PDB file of all heavy atoms in Angstrom:
ATOM      1  N   GLN A   1       0.026 -10.114 -14.796  1.00  0.00           N
ATOM      2  CA  GLN A   1      -1.407  -9.818 -14.865  1.00  0.00           C
ATOM      3  C   GLN A   1      -2.114 -11.104 -15.245  1.00  0.00           C
ATOM      4  O   GLN A   1      -1.806 -11.708 -16.266  1.00  0.00           O
ATOM      5  CB  GLN A   1      -1.692  -8.690 -15.849  1.00  0.00           C
ATOM      6  CG  GLN A   1      -1.044  -8.856 -17.205  1.00  0.00           C
ATOM      7  CD  GLN A   1      -1.156  -7.609 -18.058  1.00  0.00           C
ATOM      8  OE1 GLN A   1      -2.215  -6.980 -18.122  1.00  0.00           O
ATOM      9  NE2 GLN A   1      -0.083  -7.251 -18.716  1.00  0.00           N
ATOM     10  N   GLU A   2      -3.026 -11.539 -14.364  1.00  0.00           N
ATOM     11  CA  GLU A   2      -3.633 -12.839 -14.602  1.00  0.00           C
ATOM     12  C   GLU A   2      -5.040 -12.944 -14.040  1.00  0.00           C
ATOM     13  O   GLU A   2      -5.419 -12.221 -13.126  1.00  0.00           O
ATOM     14  CB  GLU A   2      -2.755 -13.952 -14.039  1.00  0.00           C
ATOM     15  CG  GLU A   2      -2.429 -13.818 -12.583  1.00  0.00           C
ATOM     16  CD  GLU A   2      -1.335 -14.771 -12.115  1.00  0.00           C
ATOM     17  OE1 GLU A   2      -0.738 -15.489 -12.935  1.00  0.00           O
ATOM     18  OE2 GLU A   2      -1.084 -14.789 -10.902  1.00  0.00           O
ATOM     19  N   LEU A   3      -5.776 -13.881 -14.635  1.00  0.00           N
ATOM     20  CA  LEU A   3      -7.068 -14.319 -14.140  1.00  0.00           C
ATOM     21  C   LEU A   3      -6.815 -15.649 -13.448  1.00  0.00           C
ATOM     22  O   LEU A   3      -6.177 -16.535 -14.030  1.00  0.00           O
ATOM     23  CB  LEU A   3      -8.047 -14.505 -15.308  1.00  0.00           C
ATOM     24  CG  LEU A   3      -9.350 -15.249 -15.015  1.00  0.00           C
ATOM     25  CD1 LEU A   3     -10.187 -14.510 -13.976  1.00  0.00           C
ATOM     26  CD2 LEU A   3     -10.133 -15.458 -16.301  1.00  0.00           C
ATOM     27  N   LYS A   4      -7.283 -15.791 -12.194  1.00  0.00           N
ATOM     28  CA  LYS A   4      -6.992 -16.996 -11.423  1.00  0.00           C
ATOM     29  C   LYS A   4      -8.236 -17.547 -10.751  1.00  0.00           C
ATOM     30  O   LYS A   4      -9.176 -16.812 -10.464  1.00  0.00           O
ATOM     31  CB  LYS A   4      -5.985 -16.702 -10.299  1.00  0.00           C
ATOM     32  CG  LYS A   4      -4.659 -16.215 -10.733  1.00  0.00           C
ATOM     33  CD  LYS A   4      -3.671 -16.159  -9.581  1.00  0.00           C
ATOM     34  CE  LYS A   4      -3.963 -15.046  -8.624  1.00  0.00           C
ATOM     35  NZ  LYS A   4      -2.910 -14.897  -7.591  1.00  0.00           N
ATOM     36  N   ILE A   5      -8.172 -18.844 -10.490  1.00  0.00           N
ATOM     37  CA  ILE A   5      -9.069 -19.486  -9.531  1.00  0.00           C
ATOM     38  C   ILE A   5      -8.167 -19.966  -8.400  1.00  0.00           C
ATOM     39  O   ILE A   5      -7.174 -20.659  -8.648  1.00  0.00           O
ATOM     40  CB  ILE A   5      -9.804 -20.704 -10.109  1.00  0.00           C
ATOM     41  CG1 ILE A   5     -10.667 -20.301 -11.300  1.00  0.00           C
ATOM     42  CG2 ILE A   5     -10.661 -21.362  -9.030  1.00  0.00           C
ATOM     43  CD1 ILE A   5     -11.307 -21.494 -12.009  1.00  0.00           C
ATOM     44  N   GLU A   6      -8.496 -19.567  -7.186  1.00  0.00           N
ATOM     45  CA  GLU A   6      -7.751 -20.019  -6.007  1.00  0.00           C
ATOM     46  C   GLU A   6      -8.705 -20.817  -5.127  1.00  0.00           C
ATOM     47  O   GLU A   6      -9.884 -20.476  -5.018  1.00  0.00           O
ATOM     48  CB  GLU A   6      -7.204 -18.833  -5.216  1.00  0.00           C
ATOM     49  CG  GLU A   6      -6.228 -17.987  -5.986  1.00  0.00           C
ATOM     50  CD  GLU A   6      -5.794 -16.745  -5.235  1.00  0.00           C
ATOM     51  OE1 GLU A   6      -6.503 -16.305  -4.301  1.00  0.00           O
ATOM     52  OE2 GLU A   6      -4.745 -16.194  -5.596  1.00  0.00           O
ATOM     53  N   PHE A   7      -8.180 -21.843  -4.484  1.00  0.00           N
ATOM     54  CA  PHE A   7      -8.975 -22.641  -3.546  1.00  0.00           C
ATOM     55  C   PHE A   7      -8.384 -22.507  -2.147  1.00  0.00           C
ATOM     56  O   PHE A   7      -7.161 -22.536  -1.979  1.00  0.00           O
ATOM     57  CB  PHE A   7      -8.992 -24.114  -3.971  1.00  0.00           C
ATOM     58  CG  PHE A   7      -9.710 -24.336  -5.272  1.00  0.00           C
ATOM     59  CD1 PHE A   7      -9.004 -24.506  -6.447  1.00  0.00           C
ATOM     60  CD2 PHE A   7     -11.096 -24.361  -5.309  1.00  0.00           C
ATOM     61  CE1 PHE A   7      -9.662 -24.709  -7.645  1.00  0.00           C
ATOM     62  CE2 PHE A   7     -11.767 -24.560  -6.516  1.00  0.00           C
ATOM     63  CZ  PHE A   7     -11.044 -24.731  -7.686  1.00  0.00           C
ATOM     64  N   TYR A   8      -9.253 -22.375  -1.169  1.00  0.00           N
ATOM     65  CA  TYR A   8      -8.874 -22.182   0.228  1.00  0.00           C
ATOM     66  C   TYR A   8      -9.550 -23.228   1.101  1.00  0.00           C
ATOM     67  O   TYR A   8     -10.690 -23.607   0.847  1.00  0.00           O
ATOM     68  CB  TYR A   8      -9.289 -20.784   0.707  1.00  0.00           C
ATOM     69  CG  TYR A   8      -8.513 -19.686   0.046  1.00  0.00           C
ATOM     70  CD1 TYR A   8      -8.846 -19.228  -1.218  1.00  0.00           C
ATOM     71  CD2 TYR A   8      -7.423 -19.114   0.680  1.00  0.00           C
ATOM     72  CE1 TYR A   8      -8.122 -18.222  -1.835  1.00  0.00           C
ATOM     73  CE2 TYR A   8      -6.690 -18.112   0.066  1.00  0.00           C
ATOM     74  CZ  TYR A   8      -7.048 -17.673  -1.184  1.00  0.00           C
ATOM     75  OH  TYR A   8      -6.328 -16.682  -1.795  1.00  0.00           O
ATOM     76  N   SER A   9      -8.848 -23.635   2.157  1.00  0.00           N
ATOM     77  CA  SER A   9      -9.449 -24.575   3.098  1.00  0.00           C
ATOM     78  C   SER A   9     -10.345 -23.862   4.099  1.00  0.00           C
ATOM     79  O   SER A   9     -11.222 -24.475   4.693  1.00  0.00           O
ATOM     80  CB  SER A   9      -8.364 -25.368   3.836  1.00  0.00           C
ATOM     81  OG  SER A   9      -7.525 -24.495   4.556  1.00  0.00           O
ATOM     82  N   ASN A  10     -10.107 -22.579   4.301  1.00  0.00           N
ATOM     83  CA  ASN A  10     -10.985 -21.756   5.123  1.00  0.00           C
ATOM     84  C   ASN A  10     -10.893 -20.325   4.627  1.00  0.00           C
ATOM     85  O   ASN A  10     -10.051 -20.002   3.792  1.00  0.00           O
ATOM     86  CB  ASN A  10     -10.657 -21.868   6.619  1.00  0.00           C
ATOM     87  CG  ASN A  10      -9.268 -21.361   6.941  1.00  0.00           C
ATOM     88  OD1 ASN A  10      -8.934 -20.229   6.639  1.00  0.00           O
ATOM     89  ND2 ASN A  10      -8.452 -22.197   7.566  1.00  0.00           N
ATOM     90  N   ALA A  11     -11.735 -19.453   5.130  1.00  0.00           N
ATOM     91  CA  ALA A  11     -11.818 -18.089   4.609  1.00  0.00           C
ATOM     92  C   ALA A  11     -10.594 -17.241   4.926  1.00  0.00           C
ATOM     93  O   ALA A  11     -10.396 -16.206   4.306  1.00  0.00           O
ATOM     94  CB  ALA A  11     -13.070 -17.407   5.152  1.00  0.00           C
ATOM     95  N   TYR A  12      -9.769 -17.645   5.874  1.00  0.00           N
ATOM     96  CA  TYR A  12      -8.671 -16.781   6.305  1.00  0.00           C
ATOM     97  C   TYR A  12      -7.292 -17.386   6.073  1.00  0.00           C
ATOM     98  O   TYR A  12      -6.293 -16.801   6.446  1.00  0.00           O
ATOM     99  CB  TYR A  12      -8.839 -16.431   7.786  1.00  0.00           C
ATOM    100  CG  TYR A  12     -10.179 -15.825   8.056  1.00  0.00           C
ATOM    101  CD1 TYR A  12     -11.181 -16.542   8.677  1.00  0.00           C
ATOM    102  CD2 TYR A  12     -10.461 -14.533   7.629  1.00  0.00           C
ATOM    103  CE1 TYR A  12     -12.433 -15.994   8.887  1.00  0.00           C
ATOM    104  CE2 TYR A  12     -11.717 -13.979   7.832  1.00  0.00           C
ATOM    105  CZ  TYR A  12     -12.692 -14.704   8.465  1.00  0.00           C
ATOM    106  OH  TYR A  12     -13.924 -14.159   8.659  1.00  0.00           O
ATOM    107  N   GLY A  13      -7.221 -18.555   5.464  1.00  0.00           N
ATOM    108  CA  GLY A  13      -5.940 -19.216   5.267  1.00  0.00           C
ATOM    109  C   GLY A  13      -5.293 -18.859   3.946  1.00  0.00           C
ATOM    110  O   GLY A  13      -5.765 -18.014   3.183  1.00  0.00           O
ATOM    111  N   SER A  14      -4.208 -19.522   3.677  1.00  0.00           N
ATOM    112  CA  SER A  14      -3.501 -19.365   2.419  1.00  0.00           C
ATOM    113  C   SER A  14      -4.129 -20.270   1.364  1.00  0.00           C
ATOM    114  O   SER A  14      -4.726 -21.299   1.690  1.00  0.00           O
ATOM    115  CB  SER A  14      -2.029 -19.743   2.592  1.00  0.00           C
ATOM    116  OG  SER A  14      -1.411 -18.902   3.526  1.00  0.00           O
ATOM    117  N   ALA A  15      -3.951 -19.911   0.119  1.00  0.00           N
ATOM    118  CA  ALA A  15      -4.469 -20.735  -0.970  1.00  0.00           C
ATOM    119  C   ALA A  15      -3.813 -22.109  -0.921  1.00  0.00           C
ATOM    120  O   ALA A  15      -2.606 -22.219  -0.703  1.00  0.00           O
ATOM    121  CB  ALA A  15      -4.205 -20.059  -2.307  1.00  0.00           C
ATOM    122  N   ILE A  16      -4.613 -23.162  -1.110  1.00  0.00           N
ATOM    123  CA  ILE A  16      -4.063 -24.518  -1.128  1.00  0.00           C
ATOM    124  C   ILE A  16      -3.847 -24.996  -2.562  1.00  0.00           C
ATOM    125  O   ILE A  16      -3.150 -25.982  -2.790  1.00  0.00           O
ATOM    126  CB  ILE A  16      -4.947 -25.520  -0.351  1.00  0.00           C
ATOM    127  CG1 ILE A  16      -6.385 -25.539  -0.906  1.00  0.00           C
ATOM    128  CG2 ILE A  16      -4.942 -25.194   1.128  1.00  0.00           C
ATOM    129  CD1 ILE A  16      -7.271 -26.607  -0.276  1.00  0.00           C
ATOM    130  N   SER A  17      -4.443 -24.287  -3.524  1.00  0.00           N
ATOM    131  CA  SER A  17      -4.292 -24.627  -4.936  1.00  0.00           C
ATOM    132  C   SER A  17      -4.722 -23.424  -5.762  1.00  0.00           C
ATOM    133  O   SER A  17      -5.565 -22.640  -5.325  1.00  0.00           O
ATOM    134  CB  SER A  17      -5.162 -25.837  -5.275  1.00  0.00           C
ATOM    135  OG  SER A  17      -5.096 -26.139  -6.646  1.00  0.00           O
ATOM    136  N   ALA A  18      -4.132 -23.291  -6.963  1.00  0.00           N
ATOM    137  CA  ALA A  18      -4.520 -22.196  -7.851  1.00  0.00           C
ATOM    138  C   ALA A  18      -4.244 -22.583  -9.293  1.00  0.00           C
ATOM    139  O   ALA A  18      -3.356 -23.392  -9.574  1.00  0.00           O
ATOM    140  CB  ALA A  18      -3.768 -20.921  -7.496  1.00  0.00           C
ATOM    141  N   ALA A  19      -5.013 -21.990 -10.200  1.00  0.00           N
ATOM    142  CA  ALA A  19      -4.799 -22.114 -11.637  1.00  0.00           C
ATOM    143  C   ALA A  19      -4.965 -20.723 -12.219  1.00  0.00           C
ATOM    144  O   ALA A  19      -5.795 -19.941 -11.755  1.00  0.00           O
ATOM    145  CB  ALA A  19      -5.804 -23.083 -12.255  1.00  0.00           C
ATOM    146  N   ALA A  20      -4.159 -20.388 -13.239  1.00  0.00           N
ATOM    147  CA  ALA A  20      -4.174 -19.024 -13.769  1.00  0.00           C
ATOM    148  C   ALA A  20      -3.992 -19.012 -15.282  1.00  0.00           C
ATOM    149  O   ALA A  20      -3.440 -19.948 -15.861  1.00  0.00           O
ATOM    150  CB  ALA A  20      -3.070 -18.200 -13.114  1.00  0.00           C
ATOM    151  N   VAL A  21      -4.447 -17.926 -15.880  1.00  0.00           N
ATOM    152  CA  VAL A  21      -4.206 -17.652 -17.287  1.00  0.00           C
ATOM    153  C   VAL A  21      -3.653 -16.228 -17.379  1.00  0.00           C
ATOM    154  O   VAL A  21      -4.113 -15.319 -16.679  1.00  0.00           O
ATOM    155  CB  VAL A  21      -5.478 -17.834 -18.145  1.00  0.00           C
ATOM    156  CG1 VAL A  21      -6.575 -16.877 -17.757  1.00  0.00           C
ATOM    157  CG2 VAL A  21      -5.163 -17.725 -19.627  1.00  0.00           C
ATOM    158  N   ASP A  22      -2.637 -16.055 -18.218  1.00  0.00           N
ATOM    159  CA  ASP A  22      -1.958 -14.767 -18.398  1.00  0.00           C
ATOM    160  C   ASP A  22      -2.830 -13.806 -19.199  1.00  0.00           C
ATOM    161  O   ASP A  22      -3.534 -14.221 -20.126  1.00  0.00           O
ATOM    162  CB  ASP A  22      -0.630 -15.007 -19.118  1.00  0.00           C
ATOM    163  CG  ASP A  22       0.165 -13.743 -19.291  1.00  0.00           C
ATOM    164  OD1 ASP A  22       0.607 -13.161 -18.289  1.00  0.00           O
ATOM    165  OD2 ASP A  22       0.340 -13.318 -20.463  1.00  0.00           O
ATOM    166  N   LEU A  23      -2.776 -12.522 -18.864  1.00  0.00           N
ATOM    167  CA  LEU A  23      -3.573 -11.502 -19.551  1.00  0.00           C
ATOM    168  C   LEU A  23      -2.721 -10.542 -20.370  1.00  0.00           C
ATOM    169  O   LEU A  23      -3.234  -9.561 -20.896  1.00  0.00           O
ATOM    170  CB  LEU A  23      -4.397 -10.711 -18.527  1.00  0.00           C
ATOM    171  CG  LEU A  23      -5.358 -11.520 -17.664  1.00  0.00           C
ATOM    172  CD1 LEU A  23      -6.002 -10.619 -16.607  1.00  0.00           C
ATOM    173  CD2 LEU A  23      -6.409 -12.210 -18.514  1.00  0.00           C
ATOM    174  N   SER A  24      -1.422 -10.790 -20.491  1.00  0.00           N
ATOM    175  CA  SER A  24      -0.532  -9.818 -21.132  1.00  0.00           C
ATOM    176  C   SER A  24      -0.792  -9.633 -22.623  1.00  0.00           C
ATOM    177  O   SER A  24      -0.351  -8.651 -23.206  1.00  0.00           O
ATOM    178  CB  SER A  24       0.930 -10.193 -20.898  1.00  0.00           C
ATOM    179  OG  SER A  24       1.222 -11.444 -21.485  1.00  0.00           O
ATOM    180  N   ASP A  25      -1.540 -10.544 -23.260  1.00  0.00           N
ATOM    181  CA  ASP A  25      -1.835 -10.393 -24.684  1.00  0.00           C
ATOM    182  C   ASP A  25      -3.137  -9.631 -24.948  1.00  0.00           C
ATOM    183  O   ASP A  25      -3.527  -9.441 -26.092  1.00  0.00           O
ATOM    184  CB  ASP A  25      -1.878 -11.754 -25.368  1.00  0.00           C
ATOM    185  CG  ASP A  25      -2.978 -12.657 -24.824  1.00  0.00           C
ATOM    186  OD1 ASP A  25      -3.483 -12.406 -23.711  1.00  0.00           O
ATOM    187  OD2 ASP A  25      -3.333 -13.628 -25.517  1.00  0.00           O
ATOM    188  N   VAL A  26      -3.801  -9.161 -23.913  1.00  0.00           N
ATOM    189  CA  VAL A  26      -5.055  -8.418 -24.072  1.00  0.00           C
ATOM    190  C   VAL A  26      -4.745  -7.020 -24.580  1.00  0.00           C
ATOM    191  O   VAL A  26      -3.815  -6.371 -24.106  1.00  0.00           O
ATOM    192  CB  VAL A  26      -5.825  -8.349 -22.731  1.00  0.00           C
ATOM    193  CG1 VAL A  26      -7.035  -7.437 -22.842  1.00  0.00           C
ATOM    194  CG2 VAL A  26      -6.229  -9.744 -22.289  1.00  0.00           C
ATOM    195  N   GLY A  27      -5.513  -6.555 -25.543  1.00  0.00           N
ATOM    196  CA  GLY A  27      -5.321  -5.225 -26.113  1.00  0.00           C
ATOM    197  C   GLY A  27      -6.611  -4.443 -26.153  1.00  0.00           C
ATOM    198  O   GLY A  27      -7.507  -4.660 -25.330  1.00  0.00           O
ATOM    199  N   GLU A  28      -6.719  -3.556 -27.150  1.00  0.00           N
ATOM    200  CA  GLU A  28      -7.866  -2.665 -27.248  1.00  0.00           C
ATOM    201  C   GLU A  28      -8.999  -3.272 -28.074  1.00  0.00           C
ATOM    202  O   GLU A  28      -9.540  -2.649 -28.979  1.00  0.00           O
ATOM    203  CB  GLU A  28      -7.441  -1.317 -27.804  1.00  0.00           C
ATOM    204  CG  GLU A  28      -6.650  -0.515 -26.788  1.00  0.00           C
ATOM    205  CD  GLU A  28      -6.343   0.891 -27.254  1.00  0.00           C
ATOM    206  OE1 GLU A  28      -6.045   1.089 -28.441  1.00  0.00           O
ATOM    207  OE2 GLU A  28      -6.387   1.794 -26.400  1.00  0.00           O
ATOM    208  N   SER A  29      -9.338  -4.480 -27.758  1.00  0.00           N
ATOM    209  CA  SER A  29     -10.584  -5.096 -28.214  1.00  0.00           C
ATOM    210  C   SER A  29     -10.958  -6.090 -27.118  1.00  0.00           C
ATOM    211  O   SER A  29     -10.076  -6.731 -26.533  1.00  0.00           O
ATOM    212  CB  SER A  29     -10.435  -5.764 -29.582  1.00  0.00           C
ATOM    213  OG  SER A  29      -9.817  -7.007 -29.505  1.00  0.00           O
TER     214      SER A  29
END
């Protein structure tokens, strides 16, 4: 489970780069 920024060279291609942060430590606050 993650929040990501992905970069694409066009609207229909594969991601050329990505950065992510894990969300597994999120709780009820």
